[in-house]
Amino acid sequence: MQIDLTLAVNYVPAALCLVRLMGYLSLMGVFHSGEEIGGFTILGLLLWMDRVIFRVYVKNIIFDSSAIILAVYASNVFLTLRTYNTKPHMSFLGAVVNFGWMLSAVCMILEPVHLRRVFEKRARLYHVVPAFITALAIGAQIQVHAAHEESGLRFFRGMSFALLSLVWIYVVGIHQSQSLEPLRENSSHFIARFSPVLYVPHALAFLFAGLASIALAYQYYQLFMSDRLAQQEGDVEMGHVAQEQPVSRAEYMPVIQEDPQEYEEIFRLAKQSRSAEAAQNNKAL
């Protein structure tokens, strides 16, 4: 199934996703420090009901919008639990893990030719490797203490993750996917690529958001140039075909087949008519 991105109706799911996410983040700002656990319980139930309603009654044929909201919810729960840890702040090893996670995520966004060939030969790795890297990076931060973040910073994290994911879906995901079924049913395509903006320290989150934006712009430029090159090659091929097979004027004009017997019959009838007229004139004289 192909999606026509020139139609505005295909961007409605993205708009609904952003509106729902902003509503959730606004509710998050209501809870004060120490009240997050109870608030997260209520929000978790509401988000689950929201997911069920949207999957049953509001069909999204492009992507699973609830997966983006649930990913933001899970990151907020994780960061809140880390504020209760008594372990020290991020060490040098933690910084190495975060930088490695960010670089691997940017590499997955860019998808170099060699990496793409490996994923094409082993399709299962396309899902396993990003999920494994994300789980390993998050697991390495479980016992690390994190400072409490204000609602504005959480809003930046959530909206950056949603916007980056939506841009990737509409710019890269739809064009690369032969069928939209994997993109709709498996959300790891975009969650694993942009999760660092939700979990790394806020200074690194700003840095990753900028790097991911540049990588997406580069991907868009590559796709645009490849489509333009393919269109030019198609035009050149059509021109060669038109030159090799010129259409003559005679192909458009009807062919009239002349039958000699028809002319002989016409001359015979004309001859008989003249003979009859001559006989009548002789009788009259």
Protein backbone atom coordinates (compact mmCIF):
# COMPACT_ATOMS: atom_id res chain seq x y z
CA MET A 1 0.00 0.00 0.00
CA GLN A 2 1.44 3.38 -1.05
CA ILE A 3 0.91 6.61 0.87
CA ASP A 4 0.52 9.83 -1.10
CA LEU A 5 2.33 12.44 0.98
CA THR A 6 0.93 15.25 -1.15
CA LEU A 7 -2.46 14.75 0.53
CA ALA A 8 -2.97 16.69 3.75
CA VAL A 9 -5.13 13.93 5.24
CA ASN A 10 -2.06 11.70 5.64
CA TYR A 11 -0.58 14.18 8.12
CA VAL A 12 -3.59 14.07 10.43
CA PRO A 13 -2.18 11.12 12.47
CA ALA A 14 0.98 13.12 13.17
CA ALA A 15 -1.04 16.13 14.32
CA LEU A 16 -3.22 13.97 16.59
CA CYS A 17 -0.13 12.36 18.07
CA LEU A 18 1.40 15.72 18.94
CA VAL A 19 -1.85 16.99 20.48
CA ARG A 20 -2.21 13.88 22.64
CA LEU A 21 1.43 14.08 23.72
CA MET A 22 1.12 17.75 24.68
CA GLY A 23 -1.93 16.88 26.78
CA TYR A 24 0.00 14.15 28.56
CA LEU A 25 3.02 16.40 29.19
CA SER A 26 0.72 19.11 30.52
CA LEU A 27 -0.71 16.66 33.03
CA MET A 28 2.82 15.69 34.02
CA GLY A 29 3.48 19.30 34.99
CA VAL A 30 0.65 19.19 37.55
CA PHE A 31 2.41 16.65 39.78
CA HIS A 32 4.92 18.01 42.27
CA SER A 33 8.09 16.35 43.45
CA GLY A 34 7.26 13.24 45.48
CA GLU A 35 3.85 12.81 43.86
CA GLU A 36 5.05 11.33 40.58
CA ILE A 37 4.53 7.67 41.46
CA GLY A 38 0.81 8.04 42.11
CA GLY A 39 0.46 10.34 39.15
CA PHE A 40 2.28 7.90 36.89
CA THR A 41 -0.11 5.13 37.94
CA ILE A 42 -3.14 7.17 36.93
CA LEU A 43 -1.51 8.39 33.71
CA GLY A 44 -0.47 4.84 32.83
CA LEU A 45 -4.08 3.67 33.01
CA LEU A 46 -5.26 6.64 30.96
CA LEU A 47 -2.62 6.06 28.32
CA TRP A 48 -3.49 2.38 28.09
CA MET A 49 -7.17 3.25 27.57
CA ASP A 50 -6.13 5.85 25.01
CA ARG A 51 -4.08 3.23 23.15
CA VAL A 52 -6.95 0.75 23.06
CA ILE A 53 -9.42 3.37 21.83
CA PHE A 54 -7.14 4.63 19.08
CA ARG A 55 -6.21 1.14 17.87
CA VAL A 56 -9.84 0.03 17.72
CA TYR A 57 -11.76 3.12 16.64
CA VAL A 58 -9.16 5.46 15.10
CA LYS A 59 -7.26 3.56 12.45
CA ASN A 60 -3.77 4.83 11.69
CA ILE A 61 -2.49 3.17 8.53
CA ILE A 62 0.97 4.75 8.75
CA PHE A 63 2.41 4.27 12.25
CA ASP A 64 1.51 3.47 15.84
CA SER A 65 1.13 6.89 17.42
CA SER A 66 0.51 5.43 20.88
CA ALA A 67 3.99 3.91 20.85
CA ILE A 68 5.54 7.40 20.80
CA ILE A 69 3.49 8.53 23.80
CA LEU A 70 4.18 5.34 25.75
CA ALA A 71 7.91 5.69 25.07
CA VAL A 72 7.86 9.20 26.55
CA TYR A 73 5.85 7.91 29.51
CA ALA A 74 8.31 5.08 30.15
CA SER A 75 11.27 7.47 30.04
CA ASN A 76 9.64 9.78 32.60
CA VAL A 77 9.01 6.84 34.92
CA PHE A 78 12.61 5.70 34.52
CA LEU A 79 14.09 9.14 35.18
CA THR A 80 11.85 9.62 38.23
CA LEU A 81 12.96 6.29 39.72
CA ARG A 82 16.59 7.29 39.20
CA THR A 83 16.07 10.38 41.38
CA TYR A 84 15.50 8.05 44.36
CA ASN A 85 18.81 6.22 43.83
CA THR A 86 21.59 6.98 46.31
CA LYS A 87 24.35 6.09 43.87
CA PRO A 88 26.62 8.92 42.65
CA HIS A 89 26.04 10.87 39.48
CA MET A 90 27.16 9.74 36.03
CA SER A 91 30.79 8.63 36.05
CA PHE A 92 33.31 8.58 33.23
CA LEU A 93 32.12 5.13 32.21
CA GLY A 94 28.55 6.41 32.08
CA ALA A 95 29.64 9.28 29.85
CA VAL A 96 31.32 6.81 27.50
CA VAL A 97 28.14 4.73 27.39
CA ASN A 98 25.99 7.78 26.61
CA PHE A 99 28.31 9.07 23.89
CA GLY A 100 28.54 5.61 22.34
CA TRP A 101 24.76 5.29 22.43
CA MET A 102 24.30 8.68 20.78
CA LEU A 103 26.82 7.95 18.03
CA SER A 104 25.30 4.54 17.30
CA ALA A 105 21.81 6.13 17.13
CA VAL A 106 23.04 8.78 14.68
CA CYS A 107 24.68 6.03 12.63
CA MET A 108 21.36 4.15 12.52
CA ILE A 109 19.61 7.32 11.36
CA LEU A 110 22.12 7.86 8.58
CA GLU A 111 22.24 4.16 7.61
CA PRO A 112 25.52 4.08 5.66
CA VAL A 113 25.70 1.90 2.57
CA HIS A 114 27.75 -0.85 4.25
CA LEU A 115 25.39 -1.00 7.24
CA ARG A 116 22.35 -1.08 4.96
CA ARG A 117 23.79 -3.98 2.98
CA VAL A 118 24.33 -5.94 6.18
CA PHE A 119 20.73 -5.32 7.26
CA GLU A 120 19.46 -6.31 3.80
CA LYS A 121 21.28 -9.65 4.02
CA ARG A 122 20.19 -10.28 7.62
CA ALA A 123 16.78 -8.70 8.03
CA ARG A 124 16.41 -9.83 11.64
CA LEU A 125 19.43 -7.77 12.69
CA TYR A 126 17.59 -4.66 11.48
CA HIS A 127 15.30 -5.02 14.52
CA VAL A 128 17.56 -6.83 16.99
CA VAL A 129 20.65 -4.59 16.90
CA PRO A 130 18.90 -1.23 17.63
CA ALA A 131 16.78 -2.80 20.37
CA PHE A 132 19.83 -4.47 21.95
CA ILE A 133 21.86 -1.24 21.95
CA THR A 134 18.96 0.70 23.49
CA ALA A 135 18.33 -1.89 26.20
CA LEU A 136 22.05 -2.08 27.03
CA ALA A 137 22.38 1.70 27.34
CA ILE A 138 19.27 2.07 29.49
CA GLY A 139 20.28 -0.85 31.68
CA ALA A 140 23.68 0.75 32.33
CA GLN A 141 21.95 3.80 33.86
CA ILE A 142 19.55 2.05 36.21
CA GLN A 143 21.74 2.40 39.30
CA VAL A 144 22.98 5.89 38.43
CA HIS A 145 21.47 8.83 40.30
CA ALA A 146 19.70 11.53 38.26
CA ALA A 147 18.70 14.98 39.41
CA HIS A 148 15.05 16.00 39.40
CA GLU A 149 14.07 17.68 36.14
CA GLU A 150 11.62 20.50 35.73
CA SER A 151 8.50 20.13 33.59
CA GLY A 152 9.95 22.38 30.89
CA LEU A 153 12.90 20.05 30.35
CA ARG A 154 10.62 17.04 30.26
CA PHE A 155 8.46 18.83 27.74
CA PHE A 156 11.53 19.44 25.57
CA ARG A 157 12.55 15.79 25.74
CA GLY A 158 9.11 14.47 24.87
CA MET A 159 8.40 16.89 22.04
CA SER A 160 11.88 16.48 20.56
CA PHE A 161 11.49 12.71 20.56
CA ALA A 162 8.05 12.92 18.95
CA LEU A 163 9.07 15.44 16.29
CA LEU A 164 12.23 13.55 15.34
CA SER A 165 10.30 10.29 15.15
CA LEU A 166 7.57 11.79 12.99
CA VAL A 167 10.07 13.40 10.63
CA TRP A 168 11.88 10.07 10.26
CA ILE A 169 8.59 8.26 9.60
CA TYR A 170 7.47 10.65 6.86
CA VAL A 171 10.88 11.33 5.32
CA VAL A 172 12.64 7.97 5.56
CA GLY A 173 10.38 5.24 6.91
CA ILE A 174 7.62 5.45 4.31
CA HIS A 175 10.07 5.65 1.39
CA GLN A 176 12.24 2.75 2.56
CA SER A 177 9.43 0.41 3.54
CA GLN A 178 8.13 -1.78 0.72
CA SER A 179 5.00 -2.37 2.78
CA LEU A 180 3.72 -0.18 5.59
CA GLU A 181 2.84 -3.18 7.74
CA PRO A 182 6.27 -3.42 9.45
CA LEU A 183 6.34 0.32 10.13
CA ARG A 184 2.88 0.24 11.68
CA GLU A 185 3.29 -2.94 13.70
CA ASN A 186 6.92 -2.60 14.78
CA SER A 187 7.69 0.74 16.41
CA SER A 188 11.32 -0.12 17.17
CA HIS A 189 12.24 1.48 13.83
CA PHE A 190 12.03 4.97 15.31
CA ILE A 191 12.00 4.40 19.08
CA ALA A 192 15.48 2.87 19.11
CA ARG A 193 16.89 5.63 16.89
CA PHE A 194 15.72 8.59 18.98
CA SER A 195 15.59 7.20 22.54
CA PRO A 196 18.83 8.93 23.61
CA VAL A 197 17.03 12.29 23.70
CA LEU A 198 14.77 10.84 26.41
CA TYR A 199 17.41 9.27 28.68
CA VAL A 200 20.82 10.96 28.38
CA PRO A 201 21.62 14.02 30.56
CA HIS A 202 19.92 17.17 29.37
CA ALA A 203 23.10 18.76 27.95
CA LEU A 204 23.72 15.67 25.83
CA ALA A 205 20.01 15.58 24.93
CA PHE A 206 20.33 19.03 23.33
CA LEU A 207 23.42 17.87 21.46
CA PHE A 208 21.76 14.68 20.24
CA ALA A 209 18.66 16.56 19.06
CA GLY A 210 20.87 18.77 16.89
CA LEU A 211 22.87 15.83 15.49
CA ALA A 212 19.70 13.87 14.75
CA SER A 213 18.18 16.86 12.96
CA ILE A 214 21.28 17.18 10.77
CA ALA A 215 21.21 13.45 10.02
CA LEU A 216 17.54 13.63 9.02
CA ALA A 217 18.22 16.62 6.77
CA TYR A 218 21.02 14.66 5.11
CA GLN A 219 18.72 11.67 4.62
CA TYR A 220 16.10 13.91 3.04
CA TYR A 221 18.70 15.38 0.69
CA GLN A 222 19.86 11.91 -0.32
CA LEU A 223 16.32 10.71 -1.03
CA PHE A 224 15.51 13.89 -2.95
CA MET A 225 18.60 13.56 -5.13
CA SER A 226 18.00 9.86 -5.78
CA ASP A 227 14.39 10.52 -6.82
CA ARG A 228 15.51 13.37 -9.08
CA LEU A 229 18.23 11.21 -10.66
CA ALA A 230 15.75 8.38 -11.26
CA GLN A 231 13.33 10.83 -12.90
CA GLN A 232 16.07 12.17 -15.17
CA GLU A 233 17.11 8.66 -16.17
CA GLY A 234 13.49 7.83 -16.95
CA ASP A 235 13.17 10.93 -19.14
CA VAL A 236 16.38 10.02 -21.00
CA GLU A 237 15.15 6.48 -21.60
CA MET A 238 11.83 7.76 -22.93
CA GLY A 239 13.72 10.08 -25.28
CA HIS A 240 15.83 7.22 -26.61
CA VAL A 241 12.75 5.11 -27.21
CA ALA A 242 11.07 7.96 -29.07
CA GLN A 243 14.16 8.40 -31.29
CA GLU A 244 14.55 4.70 -32.00
CA GLN A 245 10.89 4.23 -32.86
CA PRO A 246 9.71 7.37 -34.72
CA VAL A 247 6.06 7.53 -35.49
CA SER A 248 5.41 8.17 -39.15
CA ARG A 249 2.54 10.20 -40.47
CA ALA A 250 1.18 7.23 -42.35
CA GLU A 251 0.45 5.42 -39.05
CA TYR A 252 -2.11 8.06 -38.15
CA MET A 253 -3.82 8.17 -41.61
CA PRO A 254 -6.32 5.53 -42.68
CA VAL A 255 -5.13 3.21 -45.43
CA ILE A 256 -7.45 3.03 -48.43
CA GLN A 257 -7.15 -0.20 -50.35
CA GLU A 258 -8.05 0.19 -54.01
CA ASP A 259 -9.71 -2.81 -55.73
CA PRO A 260 -9.20 -2.94 -59.59
CA GLN A 261 -12.42 -4.97 -60.08
CA GLU A 262 -14.46 -2.12 -58.62
CA TYR A 263 -13.06 0.28 -61.24
CA GLU A 264 -13.80 -2.19 -64.05
CA GLU A 265 -17.40 -2.51 -62.86
CA ILE A 266 -17.80 1.26 -62.79
CA PHE A 267 -16.45 1.62 -66.36
CA ARG A 268 -18.73 -1.18 -67.59
CA LEU A 269 -21.83 0.43 -66.11
CA ALA A 270 -20.88 3.80 -67.57
CA LYS A 271 -20.36 2.21 -70.97
CA GLN A 272 -23.80 0.56 -70.86
CA SER A 273 -25.40 3.82 -69.86
CA ARG A 274 -23.86 5.67 -72.82
CA SER A 275 -24.87 2.92 -75.26
CA ALA A 276 -28.46 3.08 -74.05
CA GLU A 277 -28.56 6.85 -74.47
CA ALA A 278 -27.16 6.59 -78.01
CA ALA A 279 -29.77 3.99 -78.97
CA GLN A 280 -32.58 6.20 -77.71
CA ASN A 281 -31.30 9.17 -79.69
CA ASN A 282 -31.13 7.08 -82.91
CA LYS A 283 -34.75 5.96 -82.47
CA ALA A 284 -35.86 9.51 -81.99
CA LEU A 285 -34.23 10.54 -85.26
